[in-house]
C-alpha cells in the first residue's frame, strides 16, 4: 500500500511540475497577467472600490468568491478537528492537583479524595505541574487587551492599510491561545467556551455568504457590493468599500474561532480538560 501511495504521489507531482513548465517566468512584465489583469487593478481600484489597499480590494471584491471559499476551507478544518479529536465521554484523571493560593502549596488528591472545586483559596492546576509565575500572569493581563484592540484595528482598517480579516483573526486567536498557555485551558474555555467558538465559526461564514445574498436581494450579482448602496444610503463605490469591511469581519470571526477550536482540541487531545 505504501508503494502504491508513493507512486500516486510521484505521478501527481510530475504532472504538477510538467504543468508549471508552461508558466511565464517569475515577474515577467510581458506575461498576460502583467499586461491585462494587474494594470486594471492598479489603475481602477480607487475608482471602483474607494479602497487604497489594492490587496484587500482584490481579495475581498474582485476575487471575492475565492476568498469566501478560503474561509469555508478554514471552517471545514475546524469542523474536521472537532469530529476527529473531540472526546464524547470525558476521561477522569487518576489524580488532580490544586494550588493553595495564599501559600503556593500544591496538593495532590487521588481517587476518593474531596476536591475543593468551589473553594476561593484553592486553584486547580494541570497534571503536568507548572510553577506559579506572577510575572507571566500579570504581563498577560496587561498585554492581551492591547493585542485584541490591535486585532480589531487590523480587521477594521485592513482595506485602508496592511491587514484584513485573516490577519486580524489570527492575532485575536493568538491572544486566546496566549491566555490558555499562561493560565490554563479551563480558564480560557470558561471565557470563550466550546459552543460559543463553534457558533462563531458558523457565524463568520454566514456573514460572508449573507453579504453576497444581500447583494442578490438588491438585484445584483452575488458579492456585488454596489447593490448595498440603497441600503446604506451611499453611492455604489462607497458601498463596495463597506461591503469589503463586512466580509472582512466575517473572515476575522471565522479565523479567530477556528484557531481557538484547533488549540482547544489539539492541546487537550479532544478532552477540553487539561492542555499544554
Protein backbone atom coordinates (compact mmCIF):
# COMPACT_ATOMS: atom_id res chain seq x y z
CA UNK A 1 0.00 0.00 0.00
CA UNK A 2 2.85 2.41 0.80
CA UNK A 3 4.40 1.68 -2.58
CA UNK A 4 1.13 2.40 -4.39
CA UNK A 5 0.73 5.64 -2.44
CA UNK A 6 4.26 6.70 -3.29
CA UNK A 7 3.67 6.00 -6.98
CA UNK A 8 0.44 8.06 -6.97
CA UNK A 9 2.16 10.98 -5.22
CA UNK A 10 5.05 10.89 -7.69
CA UNK A 11 2.68 10.82 -10.67
CA UNK A 12 0.70 13.81 -9.43
CA UNK A 13 3.92 15.62 -8.54
CA UNK A 14 5.22 15.00 -12.05
CA UNK A 15 2.01 16.34 -13.57
CA UNK A 16 2.23 19.50 -11.45
CA UNK A 17 5.85 20.06 -12.43
CA UNK A 18 5.03 19.46 -16.09
CA UNK A 19 2.18 21.98 -15.94
CA UNK A 20 4.38 24.59 -14.27
CA UNK A 21 6.80 24.49 -17.22
CA UNK A 22 4.28 26.45 -19.28
CA UNK A 23 4.10 29.28 -16.75
CA UNK A 24 5.73 32.60 -17.73
CA UNK A 25 8.97 33.47 -15.89
CA UNK A 26 8.58 34.90 -12.42
CA UNK A 27 7.92 38.63 -12.59
CA UNK A 28 7.75 38.68 -16.38
CA UNK A 29 6.28 42.08 -17.36
CA UNK A 30 5.10 40.63 -20.68
CA UNK A 31 3.01 37.85 -19.11
CA UNK A 32 -0.77 38.04 -19.74
CA UNK A 33 -1.49 38.85 -16.09
CA UNK A 34 1.01 41.72 -16.08
CA UNK A 35 -0.37 43.15 -19.33
CA UNK A 36 -4.12 42.96 -18.64
CA UNK A 37 -5.17 41.97 -15.12
CA UNK A 38 -2.66 43.71 -12.85
CA UNK A 39 -2.76 47.09 -14.63
CA UNK A 40 -6.56 47.17 -14.31
CA UNK A 41 -6.40 46.62 -10.55
CA UNK A 42 -3.67 49.22 -10.12
CA UNK A 43 -5.44 51.85 -12.21
CA UNK A 44 -9.05 51.28 -11.15
CA UNK A 45 -9.06 50.11 -7.52
CA UNK A 46 -9.70 53.55 -6.07
CA UNK A 47 -12.24 54.40 -8.75
CA UNK A 48 -14.15 51.11 -8.40
CA UNK A 49 -13.98 50.44 -4.67
CA UNK A 50 -12.62 53.52 -2.88
CA UNK A 51 -10.12 51.19 -1.17
CA UNK A 52 -6.45 52.29 -1.07
CA UNK A 53 -5.19 48.79 -0.21
CA UNK A 54 -5.22 47.02 -3.57
CA UNK A 55 -4.51 43.63 -1.97
CA UNK A 56 -7.70 43.82 0.08
CA UNK A 57 -9.78 45.02 -2.84
CA UNK A 58 -8.56 42.10 -4.95
CA UNK A 59 -9.11 39.50 -2.22
CA UNK A 60 -12.48 40.69 -0.94
CA UNK A 61 -14.01 42.26 -4.05
CA UNK A 62 -12.56 41.37 -7.45
CA UNK A 63 -11.98 37.73 -6.46
CA UNK A 64 -14.39 37.60 -3.54
CA UNK A 65 -15.63 34.12 -4.48
CA UNK A 66 -12.17 32.65 -3.98
CA UNK A 67 -11.74 34.29 -0.58
CA UNK A 68 -15.18 33.12 0.53
CA UNK A 69 -14.27 29.52 -0.22
CA UNK A 70 -10.94 30.01 1.55
CA UNK A 71 -12.98 30.97 4.61
CA UNK A 72 -15.10 27.86 4.13
CA UNK A 73 -11.92 25.76 3.96
CA UNK A 74 -10.83 27.21 7.31
CA UNK A 75 -14.28 26.46 8.75
CA UNK A 76 -14.05 22.89 7.42
CA UNK A 77 -10.65 22.46 9.07
CA UNK A 78 -12.12 23.43 12.43
CA UNK A 79 -15.10 21.13 11.92
CA UNK A 80 -12.82 18.22 10.98
CA UNK A 81 -10.72 18.81 14.08
CA UNK A 82 -13.82 18.60 16.27
CA UNK A 83 -15.12 15.45 14.56
CA UNK A 84 -11.77 13.66 14.69
CA UNK A 85 -10.42 14.68 18.09
CA UNK A 86 -13.31 15.65 20.34
CA UNK A 87 -13.88 13.04 23.04
CA UNK A 88 -17.57 12.49 23.77
CA UNK A 89 -17.03 10.73 27.10
CA UNK A 90 -14.74 12.65 29.46
CA UNK A 91 -11.79 10.70 30.84
CA UNK A 92 -11.26 11.41 34.53
CA UNK A 93 -7.58 11.68 35.56
CA UNK A 94 -6.16 9.39 38.26
CA UNK A 95 -5.43 12.40 40.43
CA UNK A 96 -5.87 16.15 40.47
CA UNK A 97 -3.54 18.91 41.57
CA UNK A 98 -4.64 22.00 43.46
CA UNK A 99 -2.56 25.01 44.48
CA UNK A 100 -3.25 26.75 47.77
CA UNK A 101 -3.20 30.35 46.56
CA UNK A 102 -2.09 32.12 49.77
CA UNK A 103 0.87 29.80 50.42
CA UNK A 104 1.63 28.30 47.00
CA UNK A 105 1.49 24.75 48.41
CA UNK A 106 0.40 22.11 45.88
CA UNK A 107 -1.95 19.29 46.91
CA UNK A 108 -2.29 16.01 45.04
CA UNK A 109 -5.75 14.50 45.52
CA UNK A 110 -6.35 10.97 44.28
CA UNK A 111 -9.49 8.95 43.65
CA UNK A 112 -11.94 9.18 46.55
CA UNK A 113 -10.47 12.39 47.91
CA UNK A 114 -12.54 15.51 48.48
CA UNK A 115 -11.99 18.03 45.70
CA UNK A 116 -12.10 21.73 46.67
CA UNK A 117 -13.88 22.73 43.48
CA UNK A 118 -15.82 25.66 44.98
CA UNK A 119 -13.07 26.96 47.21
CA UNK A 120 -11.79 30.51 46.82
CA UNK A 121 -8.32 29.68 48.16
CA UNK A 122 -7.59 26.60 46.03
CA UNK A 123 -6.84 26.74 42.30
CA UNK A 124 -6.85 23.61 40.18
CA UNK A 125 -3.71 23.16 38.10
CA UNK A 126 -2.89 20.68 35.36
CA UNK A 127 -1.38 17.25 35.98
CA UNK A 128 1.83 18.42 34.32
CA UNK A 129 2.66 20.77 37.17
CA UNK A 130 3.62 24.31 36.23
CA UNK A 131 5.01 26.65 38.92
CA UNK A 132 3.01 29.76 39.61
CA UNK A 133 4.62 32.75 37.91
CA UNK A 134 3.16 36.09 38.90
CA UNK A 135 5.24 37.90 36.26
CA UNK A 136 3.84 35.83 33.38
CA UNK A 137 0.24 36.16 34.54
CA UNK A 138 0.46 39.87 35.30
CA UNK A 139 2.13 40.58 31.97
CA UNK A 140 -0.53 38.51 30.22
CA UNK A 141 -3.34 40.51 31.85
CA UNK A 142 -1.74 43.76 30.72
CA UNK A 143 -0.75 42.75 27.18
CA UNK A 144 -3.76 40.74 25.98
CA UNK A 145 -6.24 43.70 25.87
CA UNK A 146 -3.81 45.64 23.67
CA UNK A 147 -3.32 42.61 21.41
CA UNK A 148 -7.07 42.29 20.97
CA UNK A 149 -7.52 46.01 20.32
CA UNK A 150 -4.81 45.82 17.67
CA UNK A 151 -6.54 42.77 16.14
CA UNK A 152 -9.78 44.75 15.85
CA UNK A 153 -7.86 47.62 14.28
CA UNK A 154 -6.27 45.29 11.71
CA UNK A 155 -9.69 43.91 10.75
CA UNK A 156 -11.47 47.27 10.64
CA UNK A 157 -8.67 49.14 8.86
CA UNK A 158 -7.48 46.35 6.58
CA UNK A 159 -8.97 47.88 3.44
CA UNK A 160 -7.10 51.14 4.04
CA UNK A 161 -3.76 49.81 5.30
CA UNK A 162 -1.96 46.45 5.55
CA UNK A 163 -4.18 43.96 7.33
CA UNK A 164 -7.58 42.35 6.93
CA UNK A 165 -9.78 39.61 8.27
CA UNK A 166 -7.25 36.79 8.10
CA UNK A 167 -4.51 38.76 9.79
CA UNK A 168 -6.77 40.27 12.46
CA UNK A 169 -8.42 36.92 13.15
CA UNK A 170 -5.02 35.27 13.65
CA UNK A 171 -3.94 38.00 16.07
CA UNK A 172 -7.19 37.71 18.04
CA UNK A 173 -6.93 33.91 18.11
CA UNK A 174 -3.32 34.16 19.28
CA UNK A 175 -4.45 36.26 22.25
CA UNK A 176 -6.85 33.49 23.32
CA UNK A 177 -4.13 30.86 22.95
CA UNK A 178 -1.69 33.05 24.92
CA UNK A 179 -4.20 33.29 27.74
CA UNK A 180 -4.68 29.49 27.74
CA UNK A 181 -0.92 28.89 27.81
CA UNK A 182 -0.13 31.35 30.60
CA UNK A 183 -3.12 30.48 32.80
CA UNK A 184 -4.70 27.15 31.79
CA UNK A 185 -7.04 25.69 29.21
CA UNK A 186 -10.03 25.61 31.57
CA UNK A 187 -9.75 29.34 32.25
CA UNK A 188 -9.70 30.10 28.53
CA UNK A 189 -12.71 27.85 27.88
CA UNK A 190 -14.62 29.46 30.76
CA UNK A 191 -14.32 32.80 28.94
CA UNK A 192 -14.76 31.52 25.39
CA UNK A 193 -16.49 28.18 25.57
CA UNK A 194 -16.68 25.37 23.06
CA UNK A 195 -20.25 26.16 22.00
CA UNK A 196 -19.50 29.85 21.54
CA UNK A 197 -16.44 29.04 19.44
CA UNK A 198 -18.47 26.65 17.25
CA UNK A 199 -21.16 29.31 16.84
CA UNK A 200 -18.57 31.90 15.82
CA UNK A 201 -17.14 29.52 13.21
CA UNK A 202 -20.53 29.31 11.55
CA UNK A 203 -21.30 32.99 12.08
CA UNK A 204 -18.21 34.17 10.21
CA UNK A 205 -19.04 32.13 7.12
CA UNK A 206 -22.69 33.22 7.40
CA UNK A 207 -21.71 36.91 7.45
CA UNK A 208 -19.60 36.48 4.32
CA UNK A 209 -22.16 34.45 2.36
CA UNK A 210 -25.02 36.52 3.78
CA UNK A 211 -23.45 39.71 2.45
CA UNK A 212 -23.40 38.14 -1.02
CA UNK A 213 -27.01 37.02 -0.68
CA UNK A 214 -27.97 40.53 0.41
CA UNK A 215 -26.45 41.84 -2.82
CA UNK A 216 -28.67 39.45 -4.79
CA UNK A 217 -31.73 40.84 -2.99
CA UNK A 218 -30.68 44.19 -4.41
CA UNK A 219 -30.97 42.71 -7.93
CA UNK A 220 -27.21 42.48 -8.42
CA UNK A 221 -24.74 39.63 -8.69
CA UNK A 222 -23.55 37.67 -5.67
CA UNK A 223 -20.92 39.72 -3.78
CA UNK A 224 -21.53 42.77 -5.98
CA UNK A 225 -21.42 45.19 -3.07
CA UNK A 226 -22.66 48.10 -5.15
CA UNK A 227 -26.16 46.69 -4.59
CA UNK A 228 -25.90 47.75 -0.94
CA UNK A 229 -25.81 51.44 -1.84
CA UNK A 230 -29.53 51.96 -1.29
CA UNK A 231 -29.49 50.07 2.00
CA UNK A 232 -26.51 52.04 3.31
CA UNK A 233 -27.55 55.39 1.90
CA UNK A 234 -24.30 55.87 0.00
CA UNK A 235 -23.07 55.75 -3.58
CA UNK A 236 -22.15 52.43 -5.19
CA UNK A 237 -18.39 52.93 -4.83
CA UNK A 238 -18.59 53.64 -1.10
CA UNK A 239 -20.96 50.71 -0.72
CA UNK A 240 -18.31 48.43 -2.21
CA UNK A 241 -15.84 49.67 0.40
CA UNK A 242 -18.33 48.99 3.20
CA UNK A 243 -19.13 45.58 1.72
CA UNK A 244 -15.44 44.67 1.83
CA UNK A 245 -15.40 45.62 5.53
CA UNK A 246 -18.43 43.40 6.19
CA UNK A 247 -16.85 40.31 4.67
CA UNK A 248 -13.54 41.05 6.39
CA UNK A 249 -15.37 41.00 9.72
CA UNK A 250 -16.82 37.60 8.81
CA UNK A 251 -13.38 36.26 7.88
CA UNK A 252 -11.88 37.56 11.12
CA UNK A 253 -14.57 35.89 13.24
CA UNK A 254 -14.11 32.53 11.49
CA UNK A 255 -10.31 32.60 11.75
CA UNK A 256 -10.45 33.52 15.43
CA UNK A 257 -12.91 30.73 16.22
CA UNK A 258 -11.10 28.07 14.21
CA UNK A 259 -7.75 28.90 15.85
CA UNK A 260 -9.35 28.55 19.28
CA UNK A 261 -11.02 25.27 18.25
CA UNK A 262 -7.78 23.81 16.93
CA UNK A 263 -5.89 24.72 20.07
CA UNK A 264 -8.60 23.51 22.46
CA UNK A 265 -8.74 20.08 20.85
CA UNK A 266 -5.09 19.58 19.94
CA UNK A 267 -3.75 20.74 23.32
CA UNK A 268 -6.15 18.55 25.31
CA UNK A 269 -6.41 15.53 22.97
CA UNK A 270 -10.06 16.36 22.50
CA UNK A 271 -10.93 16.22 26.22
CA UNK A 272 -11.00 20.01 26.79
CA UNK A 273 -9.89 19.40 30.36
CA UNK A 274 -6.14 19.86 30.63
CA UNK A 275 -3.99 21.46 27.98
CA UNK A 276 -0.40 22.35 27.25
